[in-house]
Every structure is written in structure tokens, then in C-alpha cells.
């Protein structure tokens, strides 16, 4: 299956296997849910709504969920919660395929594409 070899699938495997520490917020988990339930995305993973919820529960259990009230001031914009998470963890990077976040990053040099992240993760 092509999806299994994709950088996103390899990152998800790494998250679930505990190969690296990752940060989340309730808002980010809700965003993940919304994306995973989009018809085009569902046609790729073929998970029912309740199965998506199970996957997100497992992801939340494996990650570090940051509480919004402890994240500090929120930068302006739709993606302010992402930069808020980065501000709470100075060594963290944002792994994203969203080109908009590379064009106008609130935290320069802290956004990385999934393929680059996987290459760094799997480097000897």
C-alpha cells in the first residue's frame, strides 16, 4: 500500500511507537479529527468516525497534551494555536505539509515538511 510508505504514515507510526516526543493541544486534536473526517481524506484511510476517535485517543495518550491556559498569549491568526505550542516548548518544531505555514511562519526555522522530518528521524 502506497499510504504506508508515505512520510505522514511513517510519522504516525513513530508517534504511536514512541520513537519521538510530540506535543498536542485539545484544539490540535480537534483539527486532526476534522481533517481525518473530510471525504477526500476518509477515502484514503477508510476509517469510520468512531475508528478516527480511537486513533486520536491513542495519539493523545502517546503524546504530551498541553493545556491551553498554560500556553500563554496566543498569536493572531487561524494557526495561532500551533505557534502557541511551539512557544511553550523552545526546542520543538512544527511538522506540517501546509505551505501557508512556511510562507508566513510566526516562528522562523521551526516549521519542517514531513519528508524532511522523516529523513532526519531515520538518518543513521
Foldseek 3Di string as FASTA:
>chain_A
DVVCPDLVNVVLVCLLVVLDADEAEPVRLVVQLVVCPPPVNCVVVVDDSVVSVVSSVSSPVSYHYDYPVPLPDFDDDPCSVVVSRCSVPVVAAAEDPPVVCQVDPPDPPRYDYSVVVVCVSPPD
